[in-house]
Amino acid sequence: MRFNFLIILTVLFFSRCTVAQDCPQGINLLPMYGKVKKCSAQLESDQRFLKTCDENYANRKVAAKDMVKKGWKYYYQQKPDTAMMRFNQAWLLDSLNADVYWGFANLVGSQGKLKESLPLFSRSLQLDPYNATIWESASNSYGQLFAQTRDVKYLHTTVEYLKKAIQLKPNNARAYSQLTAAYCYFTQKDSARKYLQMTDRVDKNVVHPDVRKMLQQ
Protein backbone atom coordinates (compact mmCIF):
# COMPACT_ATOMS: atom_id res chain seq x y z
CA MET A 1 0.00 0.00 0.00
CA ARG A 2 2.85 2.33 0.85
CA PHE A 3 4.48 1.66 -2.52
CA ASN A 4 1.23 2.36 -4.36
CA PHE A 5 0.74 5.58 -2.39
CA LEU A 6 4.20 6.78 -3.42
CA ILE A 7 3.39 5.98 -7.04
CA ILE A 8 0.20 8.02 -6.82
CA LEU A 9 2.08 10.98 -5.32
CA THR A 10 4.71 10.76 -8.05
CA VAL A 11 2.06 10.68 -10.78
CA LEU A 12 0.26 13.67 -9.28
CA PHE A 13 3.52 15.61 -8.98
CA PHE A 14 4.55 15.06 -12.57
CA SER A 15 1.00 15.74 -13.77
CA ARG A 16 1.09 19.13 -12.06
CA CYS A 17 4.51 19.85 -13.52
CA THR A 18 3.24 18.98 -17.00
CA VAL A 19 0.25 21.31 -16.60
CA ALA A 20 2.53 24.10 -15.38
CA GLN A 21 4.89 23.56 -18.29
CA ASP A 22 2.03 23.57 -20.80
CA CYS A 23 0.81 26.94 -19.51
CA PRO A 24 3.00 29.81 -20.79
CA GLN A 25 4.08 31.90 -17.83
CA GLY A 26 4.11 35.68 -17.45
CA ILE A 27 2.02 36.33 -20.53
CA ASN A 28 -0.26 38.76 -18.68
CA LEU A 29 2.74 41.09 -18.51
CA LEU A 30 3.05 41.18 -22.31
CA PRO A 31 0.80 43.11 -24.74
CA MET A 32 -2.05 40.91 -25.98
CA TYR A 33 -0.73 38.15 -23.72
CA GLY A 34 2.27 37.81 -26.00
CA LYS A 35 0.00 36.43 -28.74
CA VAL A 36 0.78 32.94 -27.49
CA LYS A 37 -1.46 29.90 -27.32
CA LYS A 38 -2.98 29.72 -23.86
CA CYS A 39 -3.43 26.50 -21.91
CA SER A 40 -6.88 25.24 -20.92
CA ALA A 41 -6.57 26.64 -17.38
CA GLN A 42 -5.80 30.11 -18.73
CA LEU A 43 -8.66 29.94 -21.21
CA GLU A 44 -11.03 28.91 -18.43
CA SER A 45 -9.80 31.85 -16.35
CA ASP A 46 -10.52 34.18 -19.29
CA GLN A 47 -14.05 32.81 -19.57
CA ARG A 48 -14.68 33.35 -15.87
CA PHE A 49 -13.46 36.92 -16.19
CA LEU A 50 -15.64 37.59 -19.22
CA LYS A 51 -18.65 36.08 -17.51
CA THR A 52 -18.13 38.32 -14.47
CA CYS A 53 -17.89 41.37 -16.73
CA ASP A 54 -21.03 40.32 -18.61
CA GLU A 55 -22.85 40.19 -15.28
CA ASN A 56 -21.62 43.57 -14.05
CA TYR A 57 -21.43 45.83 -17.14
CA ALA A 58 -23.92 46.85 -19.79
CA ASN A 59 -21.69 45.29 -22.45
CA ARG A 60 -18.08 44.34 -23.06
CA LYS A 61 -17.13 47.65 -24.69
CA VAL A 62 -18.20 49.45 -21.52
CA ALA A 63 -16.25 46.95 -19.43
CA ALA A 64 -13.18 47.45 -21.63
CA LYS A 65 -13.31 51.22 -21.12
CA ASP A 66 -13.36 50.68 -17.37
CA MET A 67 -10.34 48.37 -17.58
CA VAL A 68 -8.52 50.97 -19.71
CA LYS A 69 -9.28 53.61 -17.07
CA LYS A 70 -7.78 51.35 -14.41
CA GLY A 71 -4.81 50.66 -16.66
CA TRP A 72 -4.01 54.36 -16.97
CA LYS A 73 -4.45 54.81 -13.21
CA TYR A 74 -1.80 52.20 -12.48
CA TYR A 75 0.40 53.53 -15.27
CA TYR A 76 0.53 56.96 -13.69
CA GLN A 77 1.01 55.40 -10.27
CA GLN A 78 4.14 53.79 -11.78
CA LYS A 79 2.82 50.26 -11.40
CA PRO A 80 3.51 49.01 -14.94
CA ASP A 81 2.85 45.31 -14.29
CA THR A 82 -0.62 45.97 -12.89
CA ALA A 83 -1.29 48.46 -15.68
CA MET A 84 -0.36 45.85 -18.29
CA MET A 85 -2.72 43.33 -16.68
CA ARG A 86 -5.62 45.78 -16.87
CA PHE A 87 -4.87 46.73 -20.49
CA ASN A 88 -4.71 43.03 -21.37
CA GLN A 89 -8.11 42.49 -19.77
CA ALA A 90 -9.43 45.44 -21.77
CA TRP A 91 -8.02 43.89 -24.95
CA LEU A 92 -9.69 40.59 -24.07
CA LEU A 93 -13.00 42.44 -23.78
CA ASP A 94 -12.65 44.65 -26.85
CA SER A 95 -9.72 44.16 -29.21
CA LEU A 96 -10.84 47.19 -31.26
CA ASN A 97 -10.42 49.69 -28.44
CA ALA A 98 -7.75 52.15 -29.64
CA ASP A 99 -6.79 53.20 -26.12
CA VAL A 100 -5.75 49.62 -25.32
CA TYR A 101 -2.99 49.73 -27.95
CA TRP A 102 -2.03 53.23 -26.83
CA GLY A 103 -1.60 51.88 -23.31
CA PHE A 104 0.42 48.93 -24.59
CA ALA A 105 2.63 51.27 -26.62
CA ASN A 106 3.33 53.59 -23.69
CA LEU A 107 4.18 50.68 -21.40
CA VAL A 108 6.47 49.04 -23.95
CA GLY A 109 8.12 52.36 -24.73
CA SER A 110 8.71 53.06 -21.03
CA GLN A 111 10.60 49.75 -20.91
CA GLY A 112 13.01 51.17 -23.48
CA LYS A 113 11.58 48.99 -26.25
CA LEU A 114 10.92 51.93 -28.53
CA LYS A 115 10.84 50.06 -31.84
CA GLU A 116 8.41 47.53 -30.37
CA SER A 117 6.12 50.40 -29.36
CA LEU A 118 5.77 51.72 -32.91
CA PRO A 119 3.39 49.06 -34.36
CA LEU A 120 1.25 49.38 -31.23
CA PHE A 121 0.98 53.14 -31.77
CA SER A 122 0.20 52.51 -35.44
CA ARG A 123 -2.63 50.15 -34.53
CA SER A 124 -4.03 52.66 -32.06
CA LEU A 125 -3.95 55.44 -34.66
CA GLN A 126 -5.50 53.15 -37.24
CA LEU A 127 -8.45 52.67 -34.90
CA ASP A 128 -8.63 56.30 -33.72
CA PRO A 129 -6.87 58.65 -36.18
CA TYR A 130 -8.48 61.75 -34.69
CA ASN A 131 -6.95 61.53 -31.22
CA ALA A 132 -4.31 64.27 -31.04
CA THR A 133 -2.79 62.91 -27.84
CA ILE A 134 -2.01 59.54 -29.39
CA TRP A 135 -0.21 61.26 -32.28
CA GLU A 136 1.79 63.26 -29.74
CA SER A 137 2.61 60.16 -27.67
CA ALA A 138 3.75 58.29 -30.76
CA SER A 139 5.96 61.23 -31.75
CA ASN A 140 7.80 60.82 -28.44
CA SER A 141 8.88 57.29 -29.33
CA TYR A 142 10.09 58.43 -32.74
CA GLY A 143 11.89 61.37 -31.16
CA GLN A 144 13.65 59.12 -28.66
CA LEU A 145 14.65 56.76 -31.44
CA PHE A 146 16.17 59.67 -33.33
CA ALA A 147 18.06 60.73 -30.22
CA GLN A 148 19.46 57.20 -29.89
CA THR A 149 20.24 56.48 -33.53
CA ARG A 150 20.51 59.90 -35.20
CA ASP A 151 18.57 58.32 -38.06
CA VAL A 152 16.86 61.29 -39.71
CA LYS A 153 13.85 59.23 -40.79
CA TYR A 154 12.76 59.14 -37.15
CA LEU A 155 13.13 62.90 -36.89
CA HIS A 156 10.96 63.45 -39.96
CA THR A 157 8.28 61.16 -38.55
CA THR A 158 8.44 63.02 -35.22
CA VAL A 159 7.74 66.28 -37.04
CA GLU A 160 4.98 64.71 -39.12
CA TYR A 161 3.20 63.30 -36.06
CA LEU A 162 3.47 66.52 -34.07
CA LYS A 163 2.02 68.49 -36.96
CA LYS A 164 -0.87 66.03 -37.07
CA ALA A 165 -1.41 66.49 -33.34
CA ILE A 166 -1.48 70.27 -33.76
CA GLN A 167 -3.83 70.01 -36.71
CA LEU A 168 -6.28 68.08 -34.54
CA LYS A 169 -5.72 70.21 -31.43
CA PRO A 170 -4.52 73.67 -32.50
CA ASN A 171 -4.02 75.10 -29.00
CA ASN A 172 -1.72 72.32 -27.78
CA ALA A 173 1.23 74.34 -26.49
CA ARG A 174 3.17 71.23 -25.51
CA ALA A 175 3.05 69.86 -29.06
CA TYR A 176 4.14 73.24 -30.46
CA SER A 177 7.11 73.31 -28.08
CA GLN A 178 8.11 69.75 -29.01
CA LEU A 179 7.91 70.68 -32.67
CA THR A 180 10.12 73.69 -31.99
CA ALA A 181 12.68 71.44 -30.33
CA ALA A 182 12.50 68.89 -33.15
CA TYR A 183 13.20 71.53 -35.79
CA CYS A 184 16.29 72.60 -33.85
CA TYR A 185 18.01 69.46 -35.16
CA PHE A 186 17.70 70.70 -38.75
CA THR A 187 20.49 72.82 -40.22
CA GLN A 188 18.13 75.62 -41.11
CA LYS A 189 16.44 77.03 -38.00
CA ASP A 190 13.71 79.06 -39.73
CA SER A 191 11.00 76.50 -38.95
CA ALA A 192 12.18 76.22 -35.34
CA ARG A 193 11.90 79.99 -34.90
CA LYS A 194 8.51 79.97 -36.59
CA TYR A 195 7.16 77.37 -34.19
CA LEU A 196 8.76 79.10 -31.23
CA GLN A 197 6.67 82.17 -32.02
CA MET A 198 3.57 80.03 -32.44
CA THR A 199 4.25 78.32 -29.12
CA ASP A 200 4.64 81.64 -27.35
CA ARG A 201 1.27 82.80 -28.64
CA VAL A 202 -0.30 79.84 -26.84
CA ASP A 203 1.92 79.55 -23.74
CA LYS A 204 5.30 81.22 -23.19
CA ASN A 205 6.24 78.87 -20.36
CA VAL A 206 6.46 75.52 -22.13
CA VAL A 207 9.57 75.96 -24.29
CA HIS A 208 12.76 74.75 -22.61
CA PRO A 209 15.09 77.68 -21.82
CA ASP A 210 18.00 76.02 -23.67
CA VAL A 211 15.92 75.81 -26.87
CA ARG A 212 14.89 79.42 -26.56
CA LYS A 213 18.46 80.55 -25.88
CA MET A 214 19.79 78.68 -28.92
CA LEU A 215 17.20 80.14 -31.27
CA GLN A 216 17.58 83.70 -30.03
CA GLN A 217 21.32 83.84 -30.65
C-alpha atoms as a PDB file:
ATOM      1  CA  MET A   1       0.000   0.000   0.000  1.00  0.00           C
ATOM      2  CA  ARG A   2       2.847   2.331   0.851  1.00  0.00           C
ATOM      3  CA  PHE A   3       4.483   1.662  -2.520  1.00  0.00           C
ATOM      4  CA  ASN A   4       1.230   2.362  -4.361  1.00  0.00           C
ATOM      5  CA  PHE A   5       0.744   5.580  -2.388  1.00  0.00           C
ATOM      6  CA  LEU A   6       4.198   6.778  -3.424  1.00  0.00           C
ATOM      7  CA  ILE A   7       3.394   5.978  -7.040  1.00  0.00           C
ATOM      8  CA  ILE A   8       0.198   8.021  -6.823  1.00  0.00           C
ATOM      9  CA  LEU A   9       2.075  10.978  -5.322  1.00  0.00           C
ATOM     10  CA  THR A  10       4.714  10.756  -8.048  1.00  0.00           C
ATOM     11  CA  VAL A  11       2.059  10.677 -10.783  1.00  0.00           C
ATOM     12  CA  LEU A  12       0.259  13.671  -9.275  1.00  0.00           C
ATOM     13  CA  PHE A  13       3.517  15.608  -8.977  1.00  0.00           C
ATOM     14  CA  PHE A  14       4.549  15.058 -12.572  1.00  0.00           C
ATOM     15  CA  SER A  15       1.004  15.744 -13.770  1.00  0.00           C
ATOM     16  CA  ARG A  16       1.093  19.126 -12.064  1.00  0.00           C
ATOM     17  CA  CYS A  17       4.515  19.852 -13.518  1.00  0.00           C
ATOM     18  CA  THR A  18       3.241  18.975 -16.998  1.00  0.00           C
ATOM     19  CA  VAL A  19       0.248  21.314 -16.595  1.00  0.00           C
ATOM     20  CA  ALA A  20       2.532  24.101 -15.376  1.00  0.00           C
ATOM     21  CA  GLN A  21       4.892  23.563 -18.291  1.00  0.00           C
ATOM     22  CA  ASP A  22       2.028  23.573 -20.797  1.00  0.00           C
ATOM     23  CA  CYS A  23       0.808  26.937 -19.508  1.00  0.00           C
ATOM     24  CA  PRO A  24       2.997  29.811 -20.788  1.00  0.00           C
ATOM     25  CA  GLN A  25       4.083  31.902 -17.827  1.00  0.00           C
ATOM     26  CA  GLY A  26       4.115  35.681 -17.448  1.00  0.00           C
ATOM     27  CA  ILE A  27       2.023  36.327 -20.528  1.00  0.00           C
ATOM     28  CA  ASN A  28      -0.256  38.761 -18.681  1.00  0.00           C
ATOM     29  CA  LEU A  29       2.743  41.095 -18.513  1.00  0.00           C
ATOM     30  CA  LEU A  30       3.049  41.183 -22.307  1.00  0.00           C
ATOM     31  CA  PRO A  31       0.799  43.107 -24.737  1.00  0.00           C
ATOM     32  CA  MET A  32      -2.045  40.913 -25.980  1.00  0.00           C
ATOM     33  CA  TYR A  33      -0.728  38.152 -23.718  1.00  0.00           C
ATOM     34  CA  GLY A  34       2.269  37.815 -25.998  1.00  0.00           C
ATOM     35  CA  LYS A  35      -0.005  36.432 -28.741  1.00  0.00           C
ATOM     36  CA  VAL A  36       0.781  32.939 -27.491  1.00  0.00           C
ATOM     37  CA  LYS A  37      -1.463  29.902 -27.317  1.00  0.00           C
ATOM     38  CA  LYS A  38      -2.979  29.719 -23.856  1.00  0.00           C
ATOM     39  CA  CYS A  39      -3.434  26.503 -21.908  1.00  0.00           C
ATOM     40  CA  SER A  40      -6.876  25.244 -20.919  1.00  0.00           C
ATOM     41  CA  ALA A  41      -6.574  26.643 -17.380  1.00  0.00           C
ATOM     42  CA  GLN A  42      -5.798  30.113 -18.735  1.00  0.00           C
ATOM     43  CA  LEU A  43      -8.665  29.936 -21.213  1.00  0.00           C
ATOM     44  CA  GLU A  44     -11.027  28.907 -18.426  1.00  0.00           C
ATOM     45  CA  SER A  45      -9.802  31.854 -16.350  1.00  0.00           C
ATOM     46  CA  ASP A  46     -10.522  34.176 -19.294  1.00  0.00           C
ATOM     47  CA  GLN A  47     -14.050  32.809 -19.574  1.00  0.00           C
ATOM     48  CA  ARG A  48     -14.683  33.354 -15.871  1.00  0.00           C
ATOM     49  CA  PHE A  49     -13.460  36.922 -16.191  1.00  0.00           C
ATOM     50  CA  LEU A  50     -15.639  37.594 -19.221  1.00  0.00           C
ATOM     51  CA  LYS A  51     -18.649  36.083 -17.506  1.00  0.00           C
ATOM     52  CA  THR A  52     -18.128  38.319 -14.474  1.00  0.00           C
ATOM     53  CA  CYS A  53     -17.894  41.373 -16.726  1.00  0.00           C
ATOM     54  CA  ASP A  54     -21.033  40.323 -18.605  1.00  0.00           C
ATOM     55  CA  GLU A  55     -22.853  40.190 -15.281  1.00  0.00           C
ATOM     56  CA  ASN A  56     -21.618  43.573 -14.052  1.00  0.00           C
ATOM     57  CA  TYR A  57     -21.429  45.827 -17.136  1.00  0.00           C
ATOM     58  CA  ALA A  58     -23.917  46.848 -19.790  1.00  0.00           C
ATOM     59  CA  ASN A  59     -21.694  45.294 -22.451  1.00  0.00           C
ATOM     60  CA  ARG A  60     -18.079  44.337 -23.057  1.00  0.00           C
ATOM     61  CA  LYS A  61     -17.135  47.646 -24.693  1.00  0.00           C
ATOM     62  CA  VAL A  62     -18.197  49.451 -21.521  1.00  0.00           C
ATOM     63  CA  ALA A  63     -16.252  46.948 -19.433  1.00  0.00           C
ATOM     64  CA  ALA A  64     -13.179  47.450 -21.627  1.00  0.00           C
ATOM     65  CA  LYS A  65     -13.314  51.222 -21.123  1.00  0.00           C
ATOM     66  CA  ASP A  66     -13.362  50.684 -17.372  1.00  0.00           C
ATOM     67  CA  MET A  67     -10.338  48.367 -17.583  1.00  0.00           C
ATOM     68  CA  VAL A  68      -8.519  50.970 -19.709  1.00  0.00           C
ATOM     69  CA  LYS A  69      -9.282  53.606 -17.074  1.00  0.00           C
ATOM     70  CA  LYS A  70      -7.785  51.348 -14.415  1.00  0.00           C
ATOM     71  CA  GLY A  71      -4.806  50.658 -16.662  1.00  0.00           C
ATOM     72  CA  TRP A  72      -4.012  54.362 -16.965  1.00  0.00           C
ATOM     73  CA  LYS A  73      -4.455  54.813 -13.212  1.00  0.00           C
ATOM     74  CA  TYR A  74      -1.804  52.200 -12.479  1.00  0.00           C
ATOM     75  CA  TYR A  75       0.401  53.525 -15.270  1.00  0.00           C
ATOM     76  CA  TYR A  76       0.526  56.963 -13.688  1.00  0.00           C
ATOM     77  CA  GLN A  77       1.009  55.396 -10.268  1.00  0.00           C
ATOM     78  CA  GLN A  78       4.141  53.790 -11.782  1.00  0.00           C
ATOM     79  CA  LYS A  79       2.821  50.256 -11.397  1.00  0.00           C
ATOM     80  CA  PRO A  80       3.513  49.009 -14.943  1.00  0.00           C
ATOM     81  CA  ASP A  81       2.852  45.312 -14.290  1.00  0.00           C
ATOM     82  CA  THR A  82      -0.616  45.970 -12.892  1.00  0.00           C
ATOM     83  CA  ALA A  83      -1.290  48.458 -15.678  1.00  0.00           C
ATOM     84  CA  MET A  84      -0.363  45.850 -18.294  1.00  0.00           C
ATOM     85  CA  MET A  85      -2.718  43.330 -16.684  1.00  0.00           C
ATOM     86  CA  ARG A  86      -5.615  45.780 -16.873  1.00  0.00           C
ATOM     87  CA  PHE A  87      -4.867  46.728 -20.494  1.00  0.00           C
ATOM     88  CA  ASN A  88      -4.714  43.033 -21.371  1.00  0.00           C
ATOM     89  CA  GLN A  89      -8.106  42.491 -19.774  1.00  0.00           C
ATOM     90  CA  ALA A  90      -9.431  45.442 -21.772  1.00  0.00           C
ATOM     91  CA  TRP A  91      -8.022  43.891 -24.953  1.00  0.00           C
ATOM     92  CA  LEU A  92      -9.694  40.586 -24.072  1.00  0.00           C
ATOM     93  CA  LEU A  93     -12.997  42.436 -23.779  1.00  0.00           C
ATOM     94  CA  ASP A  94     -12.651  44.652 -26.850  1.00  0.00           C
ATOM     95  CA  SER A  95      -9.720  44.162 -29.213  1.00  0.00           C
ATOM     96  CA  LEU A  96     -10.842  47.189 -31.261  1.00  0.00           C
ATOM     97  CA  ASN A  97     -10.419  49.694 -28.441  1.00  0.00           C
ATOM     98  CA  ALA A  98      -7.751  52.148 -29.643  1.00  0.00           C
ATOM     99  CA  ASP A  99      -6.789  53.195 -26.124  1.00  0.00           C
ATOM    100  CA  VAL A 100      -5.750  49.624 -25.319  1.00  0.00           C
ATOM    101  CA  TYR A 101      -2.990  49.732 -27.950  1.00  0.00           C
ATOM    102  CA  TRP A 102      -2.033  53.228 -26.834  1.00  0.00           C
ATOM    103  CA  GLY A 103      -1.596  51.881 -23.310  1.00  0.00           C
ATOM    104  CA  PHE A 104       0.416  48.930 -24.590  1.00  0.00           C
ATOM    105  CA  ALA A 105       2.631  51.273 -26.618  1.00  0.00           C
ATOM    106  CA  ASN A 106       3.332  53.589 -23.689  1.00  0.00           C
ATOM    107  CA  LEU A 107       4.177  50.679 -21.397  1.00  0.00           C
ATOM    108  CA  VAL A 108       6.466  49.043 -23.945  1.00  0.00           C
ATOM    109  CA  GLY A 109       8.118  52.363 -24.733  1.00  0.00           C
ATOM    110  CA  SER A 110       8.707  53.056 -21.030  1.00  0.00           C
ATOM    111  CA  GLN A 111      10.605  49.751 -20.906  1.00  0.00           C
ATOM    112  CA  GLY A 112      13.010  51.167 -23.476  1.00  0.00           C
ATOM    113  CA  LYS A 113      11.577  48.991 -26.251  1.00  0.00           C
ATOM    114  CA  LEU A 114      10.917  51.931 -28.533  1.00  0.00           C
ATOM    115  CA  LYS A 115      10.840  50.057 -31.839  1.00  0.00           C
ATOM    116  CA  GLU A 116       8.408  47.530 -30.372  1.00  0.00           C
ATOM    117  CA  SER A 117       6.123  50.401 -29.356  1.00  0.00           C
ATOM    118  CA  LEU A 118       5.767  51.724 -32.914  1.00  0.00           C
ATOM    119  CA  PRO A 119       3.387  49.061 -34.357  1.00  0.00           C
ATOM    120  CA  LEU A 120       1.252  49.384 -31.230  1.00  0.00           C
ATOM    121  CA  PHE A 121       0.977  53.143 -31.771  1.00  0.00           C
ATOM    122  CA  SER A 122       0.198  52.511 -35.439  1.00  0.00           C
ATOM    123  CA  ARG A 123      -2.629  50.151 -34.533  1.00  0.00           C
ATOM    124  CA  SER A 124      -4.028  52.661 -32.062  1.00  0.00           C
ATOM    125  CA  LEU A 125      -3.950  55.438 -34.656  1.00  0.00           C
ATOM    126  CA  GLN A 126      -5.500  53.152 -37.238  1.00  0.00           C
ATOM    127  CA  LEU A 127      -8.454  52.669 -34.895  1.00  0.00           C
ATOM    128  CA  ASP A 128      -8.630  56.298 -33.724  1.00  0.00           C
ATOM    129  CA  PRO A 129      -6.873  58.649 -36.183  1.00  0.00           C
ATOM    130  CA  TYR A 130      -8.480  61.754 -34.692  1.00  0.00           C
ATOM    131  CA  ASN A 131      -6.946  61.531 -31.217  1.00  0.00           C
ATOM    132  CA  ALA A 132      -4.309  64.269 -31.044  1.00  0.00           C
ATOM    133  CA  THR A 133      -2.787  62.913 -27.838  1.00  0.00           C
ATOM    134  CA  ILE A 134      -2.006  59.541 -29.395  1.00  0.00           C
ATOM    135  CA  TRP A 135      -0.208  61.258 -32.278  1.00  0.00           C
ATOM    136  CA  GLU A 136       1.789  63.258 -29.741  1.00  0.00           C
ATOM    137  CA  SER A 137       2.612  60.163 -27.666  1.00  0.00           C
ATOM    138  CA  ALA A 138       3.753  58.295 -30.764  1.00  0.00           C
ATOM    139  CA  SER A 139       5.963  61.232 -31.746  1.00  0.00           C
ATOM    140  CA  ASN A 140       7.805  60.821 -28.443  1.00  0.00           C
ATOM    141  CA  SER A 141       8.877  57.287 -29.327  1.00  0.00           C
ATOM    142  CA  TYR A 142      10.092  58.426 -32.744  1.00  0.00           C
ATOM    143  CA  GLY A 143      11.889  61.368 -31.160  1.00  0.00           C
ATOM    144  CA  GLN A 144      13.654  59.124 -28.656  1.00  0.00           C
ATOM    145  CA  LEU A 145      14.648  56.756 -31.441  1.00  0.00           C
ATOM    146  CA  PHE A 146      16.165  59.674 -33.335  1.00  0.00           C
ATOM    147  CA  ALA A 147      18.063  60.726 -30.216  1.00  0.00           C
ATOM    148  CA  GLN A 148      19.462  57.200 -29.895  1.00  0.00           C
ATOM    149  CA  THR A 149      20.242  56.481 -33.535  1.00  0.00           C
ATOM    150  CA  ARG A 150      20.508  59.903 -35.197  1.00  0.00           C
ATOM    151  CA  ASP A 151      18.570  58.321 -38.062  1.00  0.00           C
ATOM    152  CA  VAL A 152      16.858  61.291 -39.706  1.00  0.00           C
ATOM    153  CA  LYS A 153      13.848  59.229 -40.789  1.00  0.00           C
ATOM    154  CA  TYR A 154      12.755  59.135 -37.148  1.00  0.00           C
ATOM    155  CA  LEU A 155      13.128  62.898 -36.890  1.00  0.00           C
ATOM    156  CA  HIS A 156      10.964  63.448 -39.963  1.00  0.00           C
ATOM    157  CA  THR A 157       8.278  61.164 -38.551  1.00  0.00           C
ATOM    158  CA  THR A 158       8.437  63.022 -35.223  1.00  0.00           C
ATOM    159  CA  VAL A 159       7.737  66.278 -37.045  1.00  0.00           C
ATOM    160  CA  GLU A 160       4.980  64.706 -39.121  1.00  0.00           C
ATOM    161  CA  TYR A 161       3.198  63.297 -36.060  1.00  0.00           C
ATOM    162  CA  LEU A 162       3.475  66.517 -34.067  1.00  0.00           C
ATOM    163  CA  LYS A 163       2.023  68.494 -36.961  1.00  0.00           C
ATOM    164  CA  LYS A 164      -0.866  66.032 -37.071  1.00  0.00           C
ATOM    165  CA  ALA A 165      -1.414  66.489 -33.335  1.00  0.00           C
ATOM    166  CA  ILE A 166      -1.481  70.265 -33.760  1.00  0.00           C
ATOM    167  CA  GLN A 167      -3.835  70.008 -36.707  1.00  0.00           C
ATOM    168  CA  LEU A 168      -6.279  68.076 -34.535  1.00  0.00           C
ATOM    169  CA  LYS A 169      -5.717  70.208 -31.431  1.00  0.00           C
ATOM    170  CA  PRO A 170      -4.518  73.674 -32.498  1.00  0.00           C
ATOM    171  CA  ASN A 171      -4.021  75.096 -28.997  1.00  0.00           C
ATOM    172  CA  ASN A 172      -1.724  72.318 -27.778  1.00  0.00           C
ATOM    173  CA  ALA A 173       1.230  74.337 -26.493  1.00  0.00           C
ATOM    174  CA  ARG A 174       3.170  71.234 -25.512  1.00  0.00           C
ATOM    175  CA  ALA A 175       3.053  69.856 -29.060  1.00  0.00           C
ATOM    176  CA  TYR A 176       4.141  73.240 -30.460  1.00  0.00           C
ATOM    177  CA  SER A 177       7.110  73.313 -28.076  1.00  0.00           C
ATOM    178  CA  GLN A 178       8.112  69.753 -29.007  1.00  0.00           C
ATOM    179  CA  LEU A 179       7.911  70.676 -32.673  1.00  0.00           C
ATOM    180  CA  THR A 180      10.117  73.694 -31.993  1.00  0.00           C
ATOM    181  CA  ALA A 181      12.682  71.444 -30.327  1.00  0.00           C
ATOM    182  CA  ALA A 182      12.500  68.892 -33.147  1.00  0.00           C
ATOM    183  CA  TYR A 183      13.201  71.528 -35.794  1.00  0.00           C
ATOM    184  CA  CYS A 184      16.294  72.601 -33.849  1.00  0.00           C
ATOM    185  CA  TYR A 185      18.007  69.463 -35.156  1.00  0.00           C
ATOM    186  CA  PHE A 186      17.702  70.704 -38.751  1.00  0.00           C
ATOM    187  CA  THR A 187      20.493  72.821 -40.216  1.00  0.00           C
ATOM    188  CA  GLN A 188      18.128  75.624 -41.111  1.00  0.00           C
ATOM    189  CA  LYS A 189      16.442  77.027 -37.997  1.00  0.00           C
ATOM    190  CA  ASP A 190      13.710  79.058 -39.729  1.00  0.00           C
ATOM    191  CA  SER A 191      10.996  76.504 -38.947  1.00  0.00           C
ATOM    192  CA  ALA A 192      12.185  76.224 -35.343  1.00  0.00           C
ATOM    193  CA  ARG A 193      11.902  79.993 -34.903  1.00  0.00           C
ATOM    194  CA  LYS A 194       8.509  79.973 -36.590  1.00  0.00           C
ATOM    195  CA  TYR A 195       7.156  77.367 -34.190  1.00  0.00           C
ATOM    196  CA  LEU A 196       8.758  79.101 -31.226  1.00  0.00           C
ATOM    197  CA  GLN A 197       6.671  82.172 -32.024  1.00  0.00           C
ATOM    198  CA  MET A 198       3.570  80.033 -32.443  1.00  0.00           C
ATOM    199  CA  THR A 199       4.248  78.321 -29.119  1.00  0.00           C
ATOM    200  CA  ASP A 200       4.643  81.641 -27.351  1.00  0.00           C
ATOM    201  CA  ARG A 201       1.273  82.798 -28.636  1.00  0.00           C
ATOM    202  CA  VAL A 202      -0.299  79.839 -26.842  1.00  0.00           C
ATOM    203  CA  ASP A 203       1.924  79.546 -23.740  1.00  0.00           C
ATOM    204  CA  LYS A 204       5.297  81.221 -23.192  1.00  0.00           C
ATOM    205  CA  ASN A 205       6.238  78.873 -20.357  1.00  0.00           C
ATOM    206  CA  VAL A 206       6.461  75.518 -22.128  1.00  0.00           C
ATOM    207  CA  VAL A 207       9.575  75.956 -24.291  1.00  0.00           C
ATOM    208  CA  HIS A 208      12.758  74.746 -22.611  1.00  0.00           C
ATOM    209  CA  PRO A 209      15.094  77.681 -21.824  1.00  0.00           C
ATOM    210  CA  ASP A 210      17.997  76.024 -23.671  1.00  0.00           C
ATOM    211  CA  VAL A 211      15.919  75.811 -26.867  1.00  0.00           C
ATOM    212  CA  ARG A 212      14.887  79.418 -26.560  1.00  0.00           C
ATOM    213  CA  LYS A 213      18.464  80.551 -25.882  1.00  0.00           C
ATOM    214  CA  MET A 214      19.791  78.679 -28.916  1.00  0.00           C
ATOM    215  CA  LEU A 215      17.202  80.144 -31.265  1.00  0.00           C
ATOM    216  CA  GLN A 216      17.578  83.695 -30.031  1.00  0.00           C
ATOM    217  CA  GLN A 217      21.321  83.838 -30.647  1.00  0.00           C
END
